[in-house]
């Protein structure tokens, strides 16, 4: 909303007609930034968001969908550290486990595992900080599920002109661990602005 209160609603689609459902308040605190959604099932989502209200930590809720109505579950703290709400990612690994990826206030990427029981989320283990070479910049981070226990994270870096750092994270244990990483460097080829990338 205009005051950065997090809300949501279901859109029913029939042919070319879209009908919005009732608006549900996900987080009533003003001045929050950033949200991310993950699909658990056809009638259940998970939403991560920055809870502002003087706290500025990352929180999450399970959203139960019944017809066109959203019923938010109880709020769970992803991590107690003050963090940026920009570029949040939620990766659903299974019906009982998700991974939330978020930047701290220095825009260093953080990874946290959460478990799902019904409509309740619980943080598990400790935060993994993805340490990357170069300077972490305030740019989007993209994450994808690789398997039931692994997530691939791609983030922008400032090493040369514009670089990408890939991290493969395993969540077999409660605290995520990095099991592989790669840096894609780019260089300016000549004055015409041609760039060349390589994977190392």
N, C-alpha and C. Protein backbone atom coordinates (compact mmCIF):
# COMPACT_ATOMS: atom_id res chain seq x y z
N UNK A 1 0.84 -1.19 0.00
CA UNK A 1 0.00 0.00 0.00
C UNK A 1 0.88 1.24 0.00
N UNK A 2 0.26 2.42 0.02
CA UNK A 2 1.02 3.67 0.01
C UNK A 2 1.83 3.87 1.28
N UNK A 3 1.47 3.16 2.35
CA UNK A 3 2.22 3.26 3.61
C UNK A 3 3.11 2.03 3.82
N UNK A 4 3.25 1.19 2.78
CA UNK A 4 4.11 0.01 2.81
C UNK A 4 3.62 -1.05 3.79
N UNK A 5 2.31 -1.11 3.96
CA UNK A 5 1.70 -2.22 4.70
C UNK A 5 1.53 -3.38 3.73
N UNK A 6 1.89 -4.59 4.16
CA UNK A 6 1.86 -5.75 3.27
C UNK A 6 0.47 -6.37 3.25
N UNK A 7 -0.14 -6.42 2.05
CA UNK A 7 -1.47 -7.00 1.89
C UNK A 7 -1.47 -7.93 0.68
N UNK A 8 -2.52 -8.72 0.56
CA UNK A 8 -2.61 -9.64 -0.56
C UNK A 8 -4.04 -10.02 -0.84
N UNK A 9 -4.28 -10.51 -2.06
CA UNK A 9 -5.60 -11.01 -2.40
C UNK A 9 -5.48 -12.01 -3.54
N UNK A 10 -6.46 -12.89 -3.62
CA UNK A 10 -6.52 -13.91 -4.66
C UNK A 10 -7.16 -13.31 -5.91
N UNK A 11 -6.62 -13.67 -7.07
CA UNK A 11 -7.20 -13.27 -8.34
C UNK A 11 -7.81 -14.51 -8.99
N UNK A 12 -9.12 -14.51 -9.14
CA UNK A 12 -9.81 -15.60 -9.84
C UNK A 12 -9.86 -15.28 -11.33
N UNK A 13 -9.45 -16.24 -12.13
CA UNK A 13 -9.39 -16.04 -13.58
C UNK A 13 -10.40 -16.95 -14.25
N UNK A 14 -11.27 -16.35 -15.07
CA UNK A 14 -12.25 -17.10 -15.85
C UNK A 14 -12.20 -16.56 -17.27
N UNK A 15 -11.59 -17.32 -18.17
CA UNK A 15 -11.42 -16.83 -19.53
C UNK A 15 -10.52 -15.62 -19.53
N UNK A 16 -11.04 -14.48 -20.01
CA UNK A 16 -10.28 -13.23 -20.01
C UNK A 16 -10.67 -12.30 -18.87
N UNK A 17 -11.43 -12.82 -17.91
CA UNK A 17 -11.94 -11.99 -16.81
C UNK A 17 -11.18 -12.32 -15.52
N UNK A 18 -10.68 -11.28 -14.86
CA UNK A 18 -9.97 -11.43 -13.58
C UNK A 18 -10.82 -10.79 -12.49
N UNK A 19 -11.11 -11.56 -11.45
CA UNK A 19 -11.92 -11.04 -10.34
C UNK A 19 -11.11 -11.09 -9.05
N UNK A 20 -10.80 -9.94 -8.46
CA UNK A 20 -10.04 -9.93 -7.20
C UNK A 20 -10.90 -10.40 -6.03
N UNK A 21 -10.27 -11.14 -5.12
CA UNK A 21 -10.96 -11.54 -3.90
C UNK A 21 -10.82 -10.47 -2.83
N UNK A 22 -11.16 -10.83 -1.60
CA UNK A 22 -11.06 -9.88 -0.50
C UNK A 22 -9.59 -9.64 -0.14
N UNK A 23 -9.29 -8.40 0.19
CA UNK A 23 -7.93 -8.03 0.57
C UNK A 23 -7.65 -8.50 2.00
N UNK A 24 -6.51 -9.19 2.17
CA UNK A 24 -6.09 -9.66 3.50
C UNK A 24 -4.82 -8.93 3.90
N UNK A 25 -4.74 -8.51 5.14
CA UNK A 25 -3.52 -7.87 5.65
C UNK A 25 -2.55 -8.95 6.10
N UNK A 26 -1.38 -8.96 5.47
CA UNK A 26 -0.35 -9.93 5.83
C UNK A 26 0.49 -9.40 6.99
N UNK A 27 0.87 -8.13 6.89
CA UNK A 27 1.63 -7.48 7.96
C UNK A 27 1.13 -6.04 8.08
N UNK A 28 0.61 -5.67 9.23
CA UNK A 28 0.01 -4.35 9.41
C UNK A 28 0.99 -3.25 9.72
N UNK A 29 2.27 -3.56 9.89
CA UNK A 29 3.26 -2.52 10.19
C UNK A 29 3.56 -1.71 8.94
N UNK A 30 3.63 -0.39 9.10
CA UNK A 30 3.96 0.49 7.98
C UNK A 30 5.47 0.51 7.74
N UNK A 31 5.84 0.95 6.54
CA UNK A 31 7.23 1.18 6.16
C UNK A 31 8.06 -0.08 6.00
N UNK A 32 7.42 -1.23 5.81
CA UNK A 32 8.17 -2.43 5.47
C UNK A 32 8.54 -2.41 3.99
N UNK A 33 9.64 -3.03 3.64
CA UNK A 33 10.05 -3.09 2.23
C UNK A 33 10.28 -4.53 1.82
N UNK A 34 9.75 -4.90 0.68
CA UNK A 34 10.04 -6.21 0.12
C UNK A 34 9.14 -7.32 0.60
N UNK A 35 8.69 -8.14 -0.36
CA UNK A 35 7.97 -9.36 -0.06
C UNK A 35 8.41 -10.44 -1.03
N UNK A 36 8.21 -11.68 -0.66
CA UNK A 36 8.49 -12.81 -1.55
C UNK A 36 7.47 -13.90 -1.26
N UNK A 37 7.01 -14.58 -2.32
CA UNK A 37 6.03 -15.65 -2.18
C UNK A 37 6.61 -16.96 -2.67
N UNK A 38 6.23 -18.04 -2.00
CA UNK A 38 6.56 -19.39 -2.43
C UNK A 38 5.30 -20.24 -2.40
N UNK A 39 5.19 -21.15 -3.35
CA UNK A 39 4.01 -22.01 -3.45
C UNK A 39 4.27 -23.33 -2.75
N UNK A 40 3.49 -23.61 -1.71
CA UNK A 40 3.59 -24.89 -1.01
C UNK A 40 2.68 -25.91 -1.67
N UNK A 41 1.44 -25.49 -1.95
CA UNK A 41 0.46 -26.36 -2.60
C UNK A 41 -0.58 -25.48 -3.28
N UNK A 42 -1.59 -26.09 -3.85
CA UNK A 42 -2.63 -25.32 -4.54
C UNK A 42 -3.46 -24.46 -3.59
N UNK A 43 -3.41 -24.74 -2.30
CA UNK A 43 -4.18 -23.94 -1.34
C UNK A 43 -3.34 -23.40 -0.19
N UNK A 44 -2.02 -23.34 -0.42
CA UNK A 44 -1.16 -22.82 0.64
C UNK A 44 0.08 -22.16 0.04
N UNK A 45 0.36 -20.94 0.50
CA UNK A 45 1.55 -20.19 0.09
C UNK A 45 2.35 -19.83 1.33
N UNK A 46 3.58 -19.37 1.11
CA UNK A 46 4.36 -18.80 2.20
C UNK A 46 4.83 -17.43 1.75
N UNK A 47 4.73 -16.46 2.63
CA UNK A 47 5.10 -15.08 2.32
C UNK A 47 6.17 -14.62 3.30
N UNK A 48 7.30 -14.15 2.76
CA UNK A 48 8.35 -13.54 3.58
C UNK A 48 8.30 -12.03 3.37
N UNK A 49 8.57 -11.27 4.42
CA UNK A 49 8.48 -9.82 4.31
C UNK A 49 9.34 -9.19 5.39
N UNK A 50 9.66 -7.91 5.18
CA UNK A 50 10.37 -7.17 6.22
C UNK A 50 9.35 -6.55 7.16
N UNK A 51 9.46 -6.89 8.42
CA UNK A 51 8.61 -6.30 9.45
C UNK A 51 9.30 -5.04 9.93
N UNK A 52 8.74 -3.89 9.59
CA UNK A 52 9.37 -2.64 9.99
C UNK A 52 8.95 -2.32 11.43
N UNK A 53 8.15 -1.32 11.63
CA UNK A 53 7.68 -1.01 12.97
C UNK A 53 8.81 -0.82 13.96
N UNK A 54 9.94 -0.27 13.47
CA UNK A 54 11.10 -0.05 14.33
C UNK A 54 11.96 -1.28 14.53
N UNK A 55 11.60 -2.41 13.89
CA UNK A 55 12.34 -3.65 14.08
C UNK A 55 13.21 -3.97 12.87
N UNK A 56 12.61 -3.93 11.69
CA UNK A 56 13.30 -4.18 10.42
C UNK A 56 13.98 -5.55 10.38
N UNK A 57 13.23 -6.57 10.75
CA UNK A 57 13.72 -7.94 10.63
C UNK A 57 12.86 -8.67 9.61
N UNK A 58 13.36 -9.81 9.15
CA UNK A 58 12.65 -10.59 8.15
C UNK A 58 11.72 -11.56 8.85
N UNK A 59 10.44 -11.55 8.46
CA UNK A 59 9.43 -12.42 9.04
C UNK A 59 8.76 -13.23 7.92
N UNK A 60 7.99 -14.22 8.30
CA UNK A 60 7.29 -15.04 7.31
C UNK A 60 5.99 -15.56 7.90
N UNK A 61 5.03 -15.82 7.00
CA UNK A 61 3.75 -16.40 7.38
C UNK A 61 3.32 -17.40 6.32
N UNK A 62 2.64 -18.45 6.75
CA UNK A 62 1.94 -19.33 5.82
C UNK A 62 0.59 -18.70 5.51
N UNK A 63 0.21 -18.72 4.23
CA UNK A 63 -1.08 -18.18 3.80
C UNK A 63 -1.96 -19.32 3.33
N UNK A 64 -3.04 -19.56 4.04
CA UNK A 64 -4.00 -20.59 3.64
C UNK A 64 -5.03 -19.98 2.70
N UNK A 65 -5.27 -20.64 1.56
CA UNK A 65 -6.19 -20.15 0.55
C UNK A 65 -7.45 -21.02 0.55
N UNK A 66 -8.61 -20.40 0.78
CA UNK A 66 -9.90 -21.09 0.70
C UNK A 66 -10.78 -20.31 -0.25
N UNK A 67 -11.08 -20.90 -1.41
CA UNK A 67 -11.83 -20.19 -2.46
C UNK A 67 -11.07 -18.92 -2.82
N UNK A 68 -11.64 -17.75 -2.55
CA UNK A 68 -10.97 -16.49 -2.88
C UNK A 68 -10.49 -15.74 -1.64
N UNK A 69 -10.39 -16.44 -0.53
CA UNK A 69 -10.00 -15.79 0.72
C UNK A 69 -8.62 -16.26 1.18
N UNK A 70 -7.86 -15.34 1.75
CA UNK A 70 -6.54 -15.64 2.32
C UNK A 70 -6.63 -15.54 3.83
N UNK A 71 -6.14 -16.58 4.50
CA UNK A 71 -6.05 -16.56 5.96
C UNK A 71 -4.59 -16.69 6.35
N UNK A 72 -3.96 -15.60 6.82
CA UNK A 72 -2.56 -15.67 7.22
C UNK A 72 -2.39 -16.46 8.51
N UNK A 73 -1.33 -17.27 8.57
CA UNK A 73 -1.00 -17.99 9.79
C UNK A 73 -0.24 -17.09 10.75
N UNK A 74 0.29 -17.68 11.79
CA UNK A 74 1.03 -16.90 12.78
C UNK A 74 2.37 -16.44 12.20
N UNK A 75 2.81 -15.28 12.66
CA UNK A 75 4.06 -14.69 12.16
C UNK A 75 5.26 -15.37 12.81
N UNK A 76 6.26 -15.69 12.00
CA UNK A 76 7.48 -16.31 12.50
C UNK A 76 8.68 -15.46 12.11
N UNK A 77 9.62 -15.32 13.03
CA UNK A 77 10.84 -14.59 12.75
C UNK A 77 11.81 -15.48 11.98
N UNK A 78 12.23 -15.01 10.80
CA UNK A 78 13.24 -15.75 10.04
C UNK A 78 14.59 -15.60 10.72
N UNK A 79 14.92 -14.37 11.08
CA UNK A 79 16.17 -14.10 11.79
C UNK A 79 16.00 -12.80 12.56
N UNK A 80 16.61 -12.73 13.74
CA UNK A 80 16.43 -11.58 14.62
C UNK A 80 17.32 -10.40 14.24
N UNK A 81 18.22 -10.59 13.27
CA UNK A 81 19.14 -9.52 12.88
C UNK A 81 18.43 -8.50 11.99
N UNK A 82 18.69 -7.22 12.21
CA UNK A 82 18.15 -6.18 11.34
C UNK A 82 18.63 -6.42 9.92
N UNK A 83 17.73 -6.42 8.97
CA UNK A 83 18.06 -6.77 7.60
C UNK A 83 17.32 -5.89 6.62
N UNK A 84 17.81 -5.90 5.38
CA UNK A 84 17.12 -5.19 4.32
C UNK A 84 15.99 -6.05 3.79
N UNK A 85 14.88 -5.41 3.44
CA UNK A 85 13.76 -6.16 2.90
C UNK A 85 13.78 -6.32 1.40
N UNK A 86 14.78 -5.74 0.75
CA UNK A 86 14.84 -5.82 -0.70
C UNK A 86 15.36 -7.18 -1.16
N UNK A 87 14.85 -7.61 -2.30
CA UNK A 87 15.34 -8.81 -2.97
C UNK A 87 15.22 -10.07 -2.11
N UNK A 88 14.10 -10.19 -1.43
CA UNK A 88 13.82 -11.42 -0.68
C UNK A 88 13.53 -12.55 -1.66
N UNK A 89 13.92 -13.76 -1.29
CA UNK A 89 13.60 -14.96 -2.05
C UNK A 89 13.07 -16.02 -1.11
N UNK A 90 12.05 -16.75 -1.54
CA UNK A 90 11.58 -17.93 -0.82
C UNK A 90 11.64 -19.12 -1.77
N UNK A 91 12.31 -20.17 -1.34
CA UNK A 91 12.38 -21.40 -2.12
C UNK A 91 11.71 -22.51 -1.32
N UNK A 92 10.65 -23.08 -1.88
CA UNK A 92 9.95 -24.19 -1.21
C UNK A 92 10.62 -25.49 -1.63
N UNK A 93 11.22 -26.17 -0.67
CA UNK A 93 11.90 -27.44 -0.95
C UNK A 93 10.95 -28.62 -0.84
N UNK A 94 9.99 -28.53 0.06
CA UNK A 94 9.02 -29.61 0.26
C UNK A 94 7.83 -29.03 1.02
N UNK A 95 6.87 -29.86 1.33
CA UNK A 95 5.71 -29.41 2.10
C UNK A 95 6.06 -29.09 3.55
N UNK A 96 7.28 -29.45 3.96
CA UNK A 96 7.68 -29.23 5.35
C UNK A 96 8.95 -28.39 5.50
N UNK A 97 9.51 -27.89 4.39
CA UNK A 97 10.75 -27.12 4.50
C UNK A 97 10.83 -26.04 3.42
N UNK A 98 11.24 -24.84 3.85
CA UNK A 98 11.52 -23.76 2.91
C UNK A 98 12.89 -23.16 3.23
N UNK A 99 13.41 -22.39 2.28
CA UNK A 99 14.62 -21.61 2.49
C UNK A 99 14.28 -20.16 2.18
N UNK A 100 14.67 -19.27 3.08
CA UNK A 100 14.47 -17.83 2.87
C UNK A 100 15.84 -17.20 2.65
N UNK A 101 15.96 -16.43 1.58
CA UNK A 101 17.22 -15.79 1.21
C UNK A 101 16.99 -14.29 1.25
N UNK A 102 17.86 -13.57 1.97
CA UNK A 102 17.64 -12.14 2.17
C UNK A 102 18.97 -11.44 2.41
N UNK A 103 19.07 -10.15 2.08
CA UNK A 103 20.31 -9.41 2.35
C UNK A 103 20.29 -8.78 3.74
N UNK A 104 21.48 -8.69 4.36
CA UNK A 104 21.54 -7.92 5.59
C UNK A 104 21.67 -6.45 5.23
N UNK A 105 21.91 -5.59 6.20
CA UNK A 105 21.94 -4.16 5.92
C UNK A 105 23.15 -3.75 5.09
N UNK A 106 24.13 -4.64 4.96
CA UNK A 106 25.29 -4.39 4.09
C UNK A 106 25.12 -5.08 2.74
N UNK A 107 23.94 -5.63 2.51
CA UNK A 107 23.58 -6.34 1.27
C UNK A 107 24.43 -7.60 1.05
N UNK A 108 24.86 -8.22 2.14
CA UNK A 108 25.48 -9.54 2.07
C UNK A 108 24.36 -10.57 2.17
N UNK A 109 24.36 -11.55 1.28
CA UNK A 109 23.26 -12.51 1.19
C UNK A 109 23.27 -13.48 2.36
N UNK A 110 22.10 -13.65 2.97
CA UNK A 110 21.90 -14.55 4.10
C UNK A 110 20.93 -15.66 3.69
N UNK A 111 21.13 -16.86 4.24
CA UNK A 111 20.28 -18.00 3.91
C UNK A 111 19.82 -18.65 5.21
N UNK A 112 18.50 -18.90 5.31
CA UNK A 112 17.96 -19.50 6.53
C UNK A 112 16.91 -20.55 6.17
N UNK A 113 16.99 -21.69 6.84
CA UNK A 113 16.03 -22.77 6.66
C UNK A 113 14.89 -22.62 7.66
N UNK A 114 13.66 -22.91 7.20
CA UNK A 114 12.50 -22.91 8.08
C UNK A 114 11.69 -24.18 7.84
N UNK A 115 11.09 -24.69 8.91
CA UNK A 115 10.24 -25.87 8.78
C UNK A 115 8.77 -25.46 8.83
N UNK A 116 7.92 -26.28 8.20
CA UNK A 116 6.49 -26.02 8.15
C UNK A 116 5.75 -27.16 8.83
N UNK A 117 4.88 -26.80 9.76
CA UNK A 117 3.98 -27.77 10.38
C UNK A 117 2.57 -27.21 10.30
N UNK A 118 1.77 -27.75 9.39
CA UNK A 118 0.44 -27.19 9.18
C UNK A 118 0.53 -25.79 8.63
N UNK A 119 0.08 -24.81 9.41
CA UNK A 119 0.17 -23.41 9.01
C UNK A 119 1.18 -22.64 9.85
N UNK A 120 2.10 -23.37 10.49
CA UNK A 120 3.08 -22.76 11.38
C UNK A 120 4.48 -22.91 10.82
N UNK A 121 5.24 -21.82 10.85
CA UNK A 121 6.64 -21.81 10.42
C UNK A 121 7.54 -21.72 11.64
N UNK A 122 8.68 -22.41 11.57
CA UNK A 122 9.68 -22.32 12.62
C UNK A 122 11.06 -22.23 11.99
N UNK A 123 11.87 -21.27 12.47
CA UNK A 123 13.24 -21.15 11.99
C UNK A 123 14.06 -22.31 12.52
N UNK A 124 14.96 -22.82 11.66
CA UNK A 124 15.79 -23.96 12.04
C UNK A 124 17.26 -23.62 11.86
N UNK A 125 18.08 -23.98 12.84
CA UNK A 125 19.52 -23.79 12.71
C UNK A 125 19.92 -22.33 12.69
N UNK A 126 21.11 -22.09 12.13
CA UNK A 126 21.68 -20.75 12.08
C UNK A 126 21.66 -20.21 10.65
N UNK A 127 21.90 -18.91 10.53
CA UNK A 127 21.96 -18.27 9.22
C UNK A 127 23.29 -18.60 8.54
N UNK A 128 23.22 -18.91 7.25
CA UNK A 128 24.42 -19.04 6.43
C UNK A 128 24.64 -17.71 5.72
N UNK A 129 25.83 -17.16 5.87
CA UNK A 129 26.18 -15.94 5.14
C UNK A 129 26.99 -16.34 3.91
N UNK A 130 26.49 -15.98 2.74
CA UNK A 130 27.17 -16.32 1.50
C UNK A 130 28.26 -15.29 1.24
N UNK A 131 29.49 -15.66 1.56
CA UNK A 131 30.62 -14.74 1.38
C UNK A 131 31.09 -14.81 -0.06
N UNK A 132 31.10 -13.67 -0.72
CA UNK A 132 31.48 -13.61 -2.13
C UNK A 132 32.64 -12.64 -2.32
N UNK A 133 33.44 -12.85 -3.36
CA UNK A 133 34.52 -11.90 -3.64
C UNK A 133 33.97 -10.59 -4.16
N UNK A 134 34.77 -9.53 -4.08
CA UNK A 134 34.31 -8.25 -4.60
C UNK A 134 33.38 -7.56 -3.64
N UNK A 135 32.59 -6.67 -4.17
CA UNK A 135 31.69 -5.85 -3.37
C UNK A 135 30.25 -6.30 -3.59
N UNK A 136 29.56 -6.61 -2.50
CA UNK A 136 28.14 -6.94 -2.61
C UNK A 136 27.37 -5.66 -2.91
N UNK A 137 26.56 -5.72 -3.95
CA UNK A 137 25.86 -4.52 -4.38
C UNK A 137 24.36 -4.68 -4.16
N UNK A 138 23.69 -3.54 -4.14
CA UNK A 138 22.25 -3.52 -3.91
C UNK A 138 21.52 -3.85 -5.21
N UNK A 139 21.59 -5.11 -5.60
CA UNK A 139 20.98 -5.59 -6.84
C UNK A 139 20.26 -6.91 -6.57
N UNK A 140 19.35 -7.32 -7.45
CA UNK A 140 18.56 -8.53 -7.20
C UNK A 140 19.41 -9.80 -7.03
N UNK A 141 18.88 -10.69 -6.21
CA UNK A 141 19.42 -12.03 -6.03
C UNK A 141 18.37 -13.02 -6.52
N UNK A 142 18.79 -14.03 -7.27
CA UNK A 142 17.87 -15.01 -7.83
C UNK A 142 18.22 -16.37 -7.25
N UNK A 143 17.22 -17.15 -6.89
CA UNK A 143 17.46 -18.48 -6.33
C UNK A 143 16.49 -19.48 -6.95
N UNK A 144 16.97 -20.72 -7.14
CA UNK A 144 16.12 -21.77 -7.70
C UNK A 144 16.36 -23.07 -6.94
N UNK A 145 15.31 -23.87 -6.86
CA UNK A 145 15.41 -25.20 -6.26
C UNK A 145 16.11 -26.14 -7.23
N UNK A 146 17.13 -26.84 -6.73
CA UNK A 146 17.86 -27.82 -7.54
C UNK A 146 17.38 -29.23 -7.20
N UNK A 147 17.15 -29.47 -5.93
CA UNK A 147 16.64 -30.76 -5.46
C UNK A 147 15.88 -30.53 -4.17
N UNK A 148 15.48 -31.61 -3.51
CA UNK A 148 14.72 -31.49 -2.26
C UNK A 148 15.56 -30.93 -1.12
N UNK A 149 16.88 -30.85 -1.31
CA UNK A 149 17.75 -30.34 -0.25
C UNK A 149 18.71 -29.25 -0.71
N UNK A 150 18.69 -28.90 -2.01
CA UNK A 150 19.69 -27.96 -2.53
C UNK A 150 19.06 -26.79 -3.28
N UNK A 151 19.73 -25.63 -3.12
CA UNK A 151 19.28 -24.39 -3.75
C UNK A 151 20.48 -23.74 -4.44
N UNK A 152 20.26 -23.22 -5.66
CA UNK A 152 21.29 -22.48 -6.37
C UNK A 152 20.95 -21.00 -6.27
N UNK A 153 21.94 -20.21 -5.83
CA UNK A 153 21.76 -18.77 -5.64
C UNK A 153 22.67 -18.03 -6.60
N UNK A 154 22.11 -17.07 -7.33
CA UNK A 154 22.88 -16.20 -8.22
C UNK A 154 22.75 -14.77 -7.73
N UNK A 155 23.90 -14.12 -7.53
CA UNK A 155 23.86 -12.74 -7.06
C UNK A 155 24.84 -11.88 -7.85
N UNK A 156 24.49 -10.60 -8.00
CA UNK A 156 25.34 -9.66 -8.71
C UNK A 156 26.46 -9.18 -7.81
N UNK A 157 27.65 -9.00 -8.41
CA UNK A 157 28.81 -8.50 -7.68
C UNK A 157 29.47 -7.40 -8.48
N UNK A 158 30.33 -6.65 -7.81
CA UNK A 158 31.13 -5.62 -8.48
C UNK A 158 32.59 -5.98 -8.31
N UNK A 159 33.09 -6.87 -9.20
CA UNK A 159 34.51 -7.25 -9.18
C UNK A 159 35.23 -6.57 -10.34
N UNK A 160 34.67 -6.70 -11.54
CA UNK A 160 35.24 -6.02 -12.70
C UNK A 160 34.22 -5.00 -13.21
N UNK A 161 33.40 -5.39 -14.19
CA UNK A 161 32.37 -4.49 -14.69
C UNK A 161 30.98 -4.87 -14.18
N UNK A 162 30.69 -6.11 -14.18
CA UNK A 162 29.40 -6.59 -13.71
C UNK A 162 29.46 -8.10 -13.68
N UNK A 163 29.52 -8.67 -12.50
CA UNK A 163 29.81 -10.09 -12.35
C UNK A 163 28.68 -10.81 -11.65
N UNK A 164 28.66 -12.12 -11.79
CA UNK A 164 27.65 -12.96 -11.16
C UNK A 164 28.34 -14.03 -10.34
N UNK A 165 27.88 -14.20 -9.11
CA UNK A 165 28.44 -15.21 -8.23
C UNK A 165 27.38 -16.28 -7.96
N UNK A 166 27.73 -17.54 -8.24
CA UNK A 166 26.80 -18.65 -8.05
C UNK A 166 27.20 -19.45 -6.82
N UNK A 167 26.23 -19.77 -6.00
CA UNK A 167 26.47 -20.58 -4.80
C UNK A 167 25.48 -21.74 -4.76
N UNK A 168 25.99 -22.94 -4.56
CA UNK A 168 25.13 -24.10 -4.38
C UNK A 168 25.07 -24.41 -2.89
N UNK A 169 23.86 -24.35 -2.34
CA UNK A 169 23.66 -24.48 -0.90
C UNK A 169 22.91 -25.76 -0.60
N UNK A 170 23.39 -26.50 0.39
CA UNK A 170 22.74 -27.74 0.82
C UNK A 170 22.05 -27.52 2.16
N UNK A 171 20.85 -28.08 2.30
CA UNK A 171 20.05 -27.89 3.52
C UNK A 171 19.74 -29.21 4.22
N UNK A 172 20.60 -30.21 3.99
CA UNK A 172 20.36 -31.51 4.63
C UNK A 172 20.33 -31.37 6.15
N UNK A 173 21.26 -30.59 6.70
CA UNK A 173 21.27 -30.30 8.13
C UNK A 173 20.43 -29.05 8.38
N UNK A 174 20.14 -28.75 9.63
CA UNK A 174 19.28 -27.61 9.94
C UNK A 174 19.91 -26.29 9.54
N UNK A 175 21.24 -26.19 9.60
CA UNK A 175 21.94 -24.98 9.17
C UNK A 175 22.46 -25.18 7.75
N UNK A 176 22.09 -24.34 6.80
CA UNK A 176 22.55 -24.51 5.42
C UNK A 176 24.07 -24.41 5.31
N UNK A 177 24.64 -25.10 4.33
CA UNK A 177 26.08 -25.04 4.07
C UNK A 177 26.31 -24.84 2.58
N UNK A 178 27.36 -24.10 2.24
CA UNK A 178 27.75 -23.92 0.84
C UNK A 178 28.61 -25.09 0.42
N UNK A 179 28.24 -25.77 -0.65
CA UNK A 179 29.00 -26.93 -1.10
C UNK A 179 29.69 -26.68 -2.44
N UNK A 180 29.44 -25.53 -3.04
CA UNK A 180 30.09 -25.20 -4.30
C UNK A 180 29.81 -23.77 -4.69
N UNK A 181 30.76 -23.14 -5.40
CA UNK A 181 30.55 -21.77 -5.85
C UNK A 181 31.34 -21.53 -7.13
N UNK A 182 30.92 -20.54 -7.89
CA UNK A 182 31.59 -20.18 -9.13
C UNK A 182 31.38 -18.70 -9.38
N UNK A 183 32.38 -18.06 -10.00
CA UNK A 183 32.32 -16.64 -10.32
C UNK A 183 32.34 -16.46 -11.83
N UNK A 184 31.35 -15.76 -12.34
CA UNK A 184 31.32 -15.41 -13.76
C UNK A 184 31.81 -13.97 -13.89
N UNK A 185 33.00 -13.81 -14.45
CA UNK A 185 33.58 -12.48 -14.64
C UNK A 185 33.21 -11.92 -16.01
N UNK A 186 33.11 -10.60 -16.10
CA UNK A 186 32.92 -9.94 -17.38
C UNK A 186 33.95 -8.83 -17.54
N UNK A 187 34.46 -8.67 -18.73
CA UNK A 187 35.40 -7.61 -19.04
C UNK A 187 34.95 -6.85 -20.26
N UNK A 188 35.33 -5.61 -20.33
CA UNK A 188 35.04 -4.82 -21.52
C UNK A 188 36.03 -5.22 -22.60
N UNK A 189 35.51 -5.69 -23.74
CA UNK A 189 36.39 -6.17 -24.79
C UNK A 189 37.14 -5.08 -25.49
N UNK A 190 36.48 -3.95 -25.78
CA UNK A 190 37.12 -2.82 -26.45
C UNK A 190 36.25 -1.60 -26.26
N UNK A 191 36.60 -0.53 -26.93
CA UNK A 191 35.90 0.74 -26.74
C UNK A 191 34.45 0.70 -27.23
N UNK A 192 34.10 -0.29 -28.02
CA UNK A 192 32.73 -0.36 -28.53
C UNK A 192 31.77 -0.96 -27.51
N UNK A 193 32.28 -1.42 -26.39
CA UNK A 193 31.42 -1.92 -25.32
C UNK A 193 31.12 -3.39 -25.40
N UNK A 194 31.96 -4.17 -26.07
CA UNK A 194 31.75 -5.62 -26.12
C UNK A 194 32.25 -6.23 -24.83
N UNK A 195 31.43 -7.15 -24.24
CA UNK A 195 31.80 -7.78 -23.00
C UNK A 195 31.99 -9.28 -23.23
N UNK A 196 32.93 -9.84 -22.49
CA UNK A 196 33.23 -11.27 -22.57
C UNK A 196 33.10 -11.85 -21.18
N UNK A 197 32.42 -12.98 -21.07
CA UNK A 197 32.27 -13.60 -19.76
C UNK A 197 32.96 -14.95 -19.70
N UNK A 198 33.47 -15.31 -18.55
CA UNK A 198 34.03 -16.66 -18.37
C UNK A 198 33.69 -17.17 -17.00
N UNK A 199 33.62 -18.47 -16.87
CA UNK A 199 33.27 -19.13 -15.62
C UNK A 199 34.52 -19.71 -15.01
N UNK A 200 34.83 -19.35 -13.75
CA UNK A 200 36.01 -19.88 -13.09
C UNK A 200 35.62 -20.51 -11.77
